[in-house]
Amino acid sequence: MRVSGFDVISKIVLLFLVGMGVLAMFGKLTLPGKKHLDAHKCTSCGRFKIGKGPCPCESKRG
């Protein structure tokens, strides 16, 4: 029983496409707490604010 080159290449391409589909599904997942983390970002620079004080970018301006 011989295996042609086309069979091997088609299996490789099929496995690649299935792998890309699985990675795409994992990329669509949303992590728990993401909305909470996005709420604690500075609106001007985008860095995470730690604590209740102003962002360091705001204190440099004024």
PDB file of N, CA and C in Angstrom:
ATOM      1  N   MET A   1       0.841  -1.183   0.000  1.00  0.00           N
ATOM      2  CA  MET A   1       0.000   0.000   0.000  1.00  0.00           C
ATOM      3  C   MET A   1       0.885   1.245   0.000  1.00  0.00           C
ATOM      4  N   ARG A   2       0.855   1.981  -1.099  1.00  0.00           N
ATOM      5  CA  ARG A   2       1.678   3.181  -1.223  1.00  0.00           C
ATOM      6  C   ARG A   2       0.857   4.415  -0.871  1.00  0.00           C
ATOM      7  N   VAL A   3       1.540   5.362  -0.301  1.00  0.00           N
ATOM      8  CA  VAL A   3       0.914   6.638   0.040  1.00  0.00           C
ATOM      9  C   VAL A   3       1.471   7.682  -0.905  1.00  0.00           C
ATOM     10  N   SER A   4       0.596   8.366  -1.591  1.00  0.00           N
ATOM     11  CA  SER A   4       1.061   9.392  -2.518  1.00  0.00           C
ATOM     12  C   SER A   4       1.378  10.679  -1.768  1.00  0.00           C
ATOM     13  N   GLY A   5       2.127  11.530  -2.427  1.00  0.00           N
ATOM     14  CA  GLY A   5       2.489  12.814  -1.830  1.00  0.00           C
ATOM     15  C   GLY A   5       1.281  13.704  -1.607  1.00  0.00           C
ATOM     16  N   PHE A   6       0.283  13.562  -2.459  1.00  0.00           N
ATOM     17  CA  PHE A   6      -0.926  14.370  -2.323  1.00  0.00           C
ATOM     18  C   PHE A   6      -1.672  14.018  -1.045  1.00  0.00           C
ATOM     19  N   ASP A   7      -1.702  12.742  -0.680  1.00  0.00           N
ATOM     20  CA  ASP A   7      -2.375  12.327   0.557  1.00  0.00           C
ATOM     21  C   ASP A   7      -1.704  12.940   1.779  1.00  0.00           C
ATOM     22  N   VAL A   8      -0.382  12.937   1.794  1.00  0.00           N
ATOM     23  CA  VAL A   8       0.351  13.477   2.938  1.00  0.00           C
ATOM     24  C   VAL A   8       0.131  14.976   3.044  1.00  0.00           C
ATOM     25  N   ILE A   9       0.232  15.676   1.930  1.00  0.00           N
ATOM     26  CA  ILE A   9       0.052  17.134   1.949  1.00  0.00           C
ATOM     27  C   ILE A   9      -1.374  17.493   2.327  1.00  0.00           C
ATOM     28  N   SER A  10      -2.358  16.755   1.837  1.00  0.00           N
ATOM     29  CA  SER A  10      -3.745  17.067   2.183  1.00  0.00           C
ATOM     30  C   SER A  10      -4.008  16.833   3.672  1.00  0.00           C
ATOM     31  N   LYS A  11      -3.389  15.816   4.259  1.00  0.00           N
ATOM     32  CA  LYS A  11      -3.545  15.598   5.700  1.00  0.00           C
ATOM     33  C   LYS A  11      -2.888  16.710   6.500  1.00  0.00           C
ATOM     34  N   ILE A  12      -1.733  17.173   6.067  1.00  0.00           N
ATOM     35  CA  ILE A  12      -1.045  18.265   6.759  1.00  0.00           C
ATOM     36  C   ILE A  12      -1.885  19.536   6.695  1.00  0.00           C
ATOM     37  N   VAL A  13      -2.421  19.841   5.523  1.00  0.00           N
ATOM     38  CA  VAL A  13      -3.256  21.038   5.362  1.00  0.00           C
ATOM     39  C   VAL A  13      -4.518  20.929   6.204  1.00  0.00           C
ATOM     40  N   LEU A  14      -5.135  19.762   6.232  1.00  0.00           N
ATOM     41  CA  LEU A  14      -6.337  19.566   7.029  1.00  0.00           C
ATOM     42  C   LEU A  14      -6.048  19.734   8.523  1.00  0.00           C
ATOM     43  N   LEU A  15      -4.947  19.161   9.001  1.00  0.00           N
ATOM     44  CA  LEU A  15      -4.588  19.317  10.418  1.00  0.00           C
ATOM     45  C   LEU A  15      -4.273  20.773  10.748  1.00  0.00           C
ATOM     46  N   PHE A  16      -3.640  21.483   9.824  1.00  0.00           N
ATOM     47  CA  PHE A  16      -3.347  22.895  10.039  1.00  0.00           C
ATOM     48  C   PHE A  16      -4.637  23.704  10.153  1.00  0.00           C
ATOM     49  N   LEU A  17      -5.590  23.446   9.262  1.00  0.00           N
ATOM     50  CA  LEU A  17      -6.849  24.185   9.298  1.00  0.00           C
ATOM     51  C   LEU A  17      -7.647  23.871  10.562  1.00  0.00           C
ATOM     52  N   VAL A  18      -7.639  22.619  10.992  1.00  0.00           N
ATOM     53  CA  VAL A  18      -8.331  22.262  12.235  1.00  0.00           C
ATOM     54  C   VAL A  18      -7.661  22.947  13.420  1.00  0.00           C
ATOM     55  N   GLY A  19      -6.334  22.962  13.424  1.00  0.00           N
ATOM     56  CA  GLY A  19      -5.608  23.648  14.499  1.00  0.00           C
ATOM     57  C   GLY A  19      -5.909  25.138  14.539  1.00  0.00           C
ATOM     58  N   MET A  20      -5.975  25.767  13.375  1.00  0.00           N
ATOM     59  CA  MET A  20      -6.306  27.194  13.329  1.00  0.00           C
ATOM     60  C   MET A  20      -7.728  27.441  13.814  1.00  0.00           C
ATOM     61  N   GLY A  21      -8.648  26.532  13.503  1.00  0.00           N
ATOM     62  CA  GLY A  21     -10.016  26.669  13.996  1.00  0.00           C
ATOM     63  C   GLY A  21     -10.100  26.559  15.509  1.00  0.00           C
ATOM     64  N   VAL A  22      -9.326  25.633  16.082  1.00  0.00           N
ATOM     65  CA  VAL A  22      -9.312  25.488  17.542  1.00  0.00           C
ATOM     66  C   VAL A  22      -8.722  26.734  18.189  1.00  0.00           C
ATOM     67  N   LEU A  23      -7.644  27.266  17.628  1.00  0.00           N
ATOM     68  CA  LEU A  23      -7.062  28.498  18.170  1.00  0.00           C
ATOM     69  C   LEU A  23      -8.033  29.674  18.061  1.00  0.00           C
ATOM     70  N   ALA A  24      -8.795  29.732  16.994  1.00  0.00           N
ATOM     71  CA  ALA A  24      -9.783  30.806  16.825  1.00  0.00           C
ATOM     72  C   ALA A  24     -10.873  30.701  17.879  1.00  0.00           C
ATOM     73  N   MET A  25     -11.284  29.472  18.208  1.00  0.00           N
ATOM     74  CA  MET A  25     -12.306  29.303  19.245  1.00  0.00           C
ATOM     75  C   MET A  25     -11.783  29.737  20.610  1.00  0.00           C
ATOM     76  N   PHE A  26     -10.534  29.417  20.911  1.00  0.00           N
ATOM     77  CA  PHE A  26      -9.956  29.850  22.182  1.00  0.00           C
ATOM     78  C   PHE A  26      -9.770  31.366  22.216  1.00  0.00           C
ATOM     79  N   GLY A  27      -9.511  31.977  21.074  1.00  0.00           N
ATOM     80  CA  GLY A  27      -9.350  33.426  21.018  1.00  0.00           C
ATOM     81  C   GLY A  27     -10.652  34.167  21.255  1.00  0.00           C
ATOM     82  N   LYS A  28     -11.785  33.534  20.971  1.00  0.00           N
ATOM     83  CA  LYS A  28     -13.086  34.166  21.178  1.00  0.00           C
ATOM     84  C   LYS A  28     -13.531  34.127  22.633  1.00  0.00           C
ATOM     85  N   LEU A  29     -12.906  33.276  23.442  1.00  0.00           N
ATOM     86  CA  LEU A  29     -13.317  33.160  24.841  1.00  0.00           C
ATOM     87  C   LEU A  29     -13.048  34.458  25.594  1.00  0.00           C
ATOM     88  N   THR A  30     -13.932  34.801  26.479  1.00  0.00           N
ATOM     89  CA  THR A  30     -13.709  35.961  27.333  1.00  0.00           C
ATOM     90  C   THR A  30     -13.383  35.471  28.736  1.00  0.00           C
ATOM     91  N   LEU A  31     -12.376  36.053  29.301  1.00  0.00           N
ATOM     92  CA  LEU A  31     -11.954  35.645  30.628  1.00  0.00           C
ATOM     93  C   LEU A  31     -12.854  36.289  31.678  1.00  0.00           C
ATOM     94  N   PRO A  32     -13.137  35.585  32.767  1.00  0.00           N
ATOM     95  CA  PRO A  32     -13.958  36.195  33.811  1.00  0.00           C
ATOM     96  C   PRO A  32     -13.222  37.362  34.453  1.00  0.00           C
ATOM     97  N   GLY A  33     -13.941  38.432  34.701  1.00  0.00           N
ATOM     98  CA  GLY A  33     -13.353  39.611  35.327  1.00  0.00           C
ATOM     99  C   GLY A  33     -12.775  40.604  34.343  1.00  0.00           C
ATOM    100  N   LYS A  34     -12.910  40.372  33.048  1.00  0.00           N
ATOM    101  CA  LYS A  34     -12.339  41.298  32.073  1.00  0.00           C
ATOM    102  C   LYS A  34     -13.033  42.658  32.120  1.00  0.00           C
ATOM    103  N   LYS A  35     -14.345  42.683  32.312  1.00  0.00           N
ATOM    104  CA  LYS A  35     -15.056  43.955  32.394  1.00  0.00           C
ATOM    105  C   LYS A  35     -14.598  44.741  33.617  1.00  0.00           C
ATOM    106  N   HIS A  36     -14.340  44.033  34.702  1.00  0.00           N
ATOM    107  CA  HIS A  36     -13.886  44.689  35.924  1.00  0.00           C
ATOM    108  C   HIS A  36     -12.496  45.290  35.719  1.00  0.00           C
ATOM    109  N   LEU A  37     -11.617  44.587  35.003  1.00  0.00           N
ATOM    110  CA  LEU A  37     -10.279  45.110  34.750  1.00  0.00           C
ATOM    111  C   LEU A  37     -10.318  46.290  33.797  1.00  0.00           C
ATOM    112  N   ASP A  38     -11.174  46.236  32.790  1.00  0.00           N
ATOM    113  CA  ASP A  38     -11.264  47.342  31.840  1.00  0.00           C
ATOM    114  C   ASP A  38     -11.796  48.608  32.501  1.00  0.00           C
ATOM    115  N   ALA A  39     -12.589  48.458  33.556  1.00  0.00           N
ATOM    116  CA  ALA A  39     -13.134  49.624  34.238  1.00  0.00           C
ATOM    117  C   ALA A  39     -12.061  50.350  35.038  1.00  0.00           C
ATOM    118  N   HIS A  40     -10.967  49.690  35.348  1.00  0.00           N
ATOM    119  CA  HIS A  40      -9.915  50.295  36.154  1.00  0.00           C
ATOM    120  C   HIS A  40      -8.739  50.779  35.321  1.00  0.00           C
ATOM    121  N   LYS A  41      -8.979  51.086  34.057  1.00  0.00           N
ATOM    122  CA  LYS A  41      -7.945  51.644  33.202  1.00  0.00           C
ATOM    123  C   LYS A  41      -8.105  53.154  33.126  1.00  0.00           C
ATOM    124  N   CYS A  42      -6.987  53.831  32.963  1.00  0.00           N
ATOM    125  CA  CYS A  42      -7.005  55.283  32.792  1.00  0.00           C
ATOM    126  C   CYS A  42      -7.593  55.599  31.418  1.00  0.00           C
ATOM    127  N   THR A  43      -8.446  56.602  31.357  1.00  0.00           N
ATOM    128  CA  THR A  43      -9.087  56.933  30.082  1.00  0.00           C
ATOM    129  C   THR A  43      -8.143  57.661  29.129  1.00  0.00           C
ATOM    130  N   SER A  44      -7.101  58.316  29.646  1.00  0.00           N
ATOM    131  CA  SER A  44      -6.227  59.069  28.755  1.00  0.00           C
ATOM    132  C   SER A  44      -5.031  58.259  28.261  1.00  0.00           C
ATOM    133  N   CYS A  45      -4.411  57.455  29.145  1.00  0.00           N
ATOM    134  CA  CYS A  45      -3.217  56.727  28.708  1.00  0.00           C
ATOM    135  C   CYS A  45      -3.451  55.233  28.561  1.00  0.00           C
ATOM    136  N   GLY A  46      -4.493  54.666  29.170  1.00  0.00           N
ATOM    137  CA  GLY A  46      -4.802  53.253  29.016  1.00  0.00           C
ATOM    138  C   GLY A  46      -4.121  52.339  30.005  1.00  0.00           C
ATOM    139  N   ARG A  47      -3.315  52.894  30.921  1.00  0.00           N
ATOM    140  CA  ARG A  47      -2.663  52.048  31.917  1.00  0.00           C
ATOM    141  C   ARG A  47      -3.640  51.719  33.026  1.00  0.00           C
ATOM    142  N   PHE A  48      -3.357  50.622  33.755  1.00  0.00           N
ATOM    143  CA  PHE A  48      -4.199  50.243  34.875  1.00  0.00           C
ATOM    144  C   PHE A  48      -3.949  51.181  36.046  1.00  0.00           C
ATOM    145  N   LYS A  49      -5.048  51.636  36.679  1.00  0.00           N
ATOM    146  CA  LYS A  49      -4.938  52.477  37.861  1.00  0.00           C
ATOM    147  C   LYS A  49      -4.888  51.578  39.086  1.00  0.00           C
ATOM    148  N   ILE A  50      -3.898  51.783  39.929  1.00  0.00           N
ATOM    149  CA  ILE A  50      -3.742  50.999  41.149  1.00  0.00           C
ATOM    150  C   ILE A  50      -4.107  51.902  42.312  1.00  0.00           C
ATOM    151  N   GLY A  51      -5.049  51.465  43.107  1.00  0.00           N
ATOM    152  CA  GLY A  51      -5.497  52.274  44.234  1.00  0.00           C
ATOM    153  C   GLY A  51      -6.575  53.253  43.820  1.00  0.00           C
ATOM    154  N   LYS A  52      -6.866  54.199  44.710  1.00  0.00           N
ATOM    155  CA  LYS A  52      -7.942  55.148  44.461  1.00  0.00           C
ATOM    156  C   LYS A  52      -7.460  56.504  43.994  1.00  0.00           C
ATOM    157  N   GLY A  53      -6.169  56.728  43.998  1.00  0.00           N
ATOM    158  CA  GLY A  53      -5.630  58.022  43.602  1.00  0.00           C
ATOM    159  C   GLY A  53      -5.653  58.219  42.096  1.00  0.00           C
ATOM    160  N   PRO A  54      -5.210  59.385  41.644  1.00  0.00           N
ATOM    161  CA  PRO A  54      -5.214  59.654  40.212  1.00  0.00           C
ATOM    162  C   PRO A  54      -4.105  58.865  39.515  1.00  0.00           C
ATOM    163  N   CYS A  55      -4.224  58.763  38.220  1.00  0.00           N
ATOM    164  CA  CYS A  55      -3.233  58.087  37.402  1.00  0.00           C
ATOM    165  C   CYS A  55      -1.942  58.933  37.380  1.00  0.00           C
ATOM    166  N   PRO A  56      -0.796  58.294  37.316  1.00  0.00           N
ATOM    167  CA  PRO A  56       0.461  59.068  37.253  1.00  0.00           C
ATOM    168  C   PRO A  56       0.532  60.007  36.048  1.00  0.00           C
ATOM    169  N   CYS A  57      -0.121  59.686  34.961  1.00  0.00           N
ATOM    170  CA  CYS A  57      -0.082  60.582  33.798  1.00  0.00           C
ATOM    171  C   CYS A  57      -0.847  61.874  34.088  1.00  0.00           C
ATOM    172  N   GLU A  58      -1.870  61.786  34.930  1.00  0.00           N
ATOM    173  CA  GLU A  58      -2.633  62.985  35.283  1.00  0.00           C
ATOM    174  C   GLU A  58      -1.857  63.871  36.258  1.00  0.00           C
ATOM    175  N   SER A  59      -1.068  63.256  37.140  1.00  0.00           N
ATOM    176  CA  SER A  59      -0.333  64.054  38.099  1.00  0.00           C
ATOM    177  C   SER A  59       0.869  64.749  37.443  1.00  0.00           C
ATOM    178  N   LYS A  60       1.387  64.224  36.315  1.00  0.00           N
ATOM    179  CA  LYS A  60       2.490  64.858  35.601  1.00  0.00           C
ATOM    180  C   LYS A  60       2.020  66.117  34.875  1.00  0.00           C
ATOM    181  N   ARG A  61       0.770  66.096  34.432  1.00  0.00           N
ATOM    182  CA  ARG A  61       0.228  67.244  33.683  1.00  0.00           C
ATOM    183  C   ARG A  61       0.055  68.464  34.574  1.00  0.00           C
ATOM    184  N   GLY A  62      -0.491  68.215  35.749  1.00  0.00           N
ATOM    185  CA  GLY A  62      -0.881  69.356  36.564  1.00  0.00           C
ATOM    186  C   GLY A  62       0.016  69.755  37.611  1.00  0.00           C
TER     187      GLY A  62
END
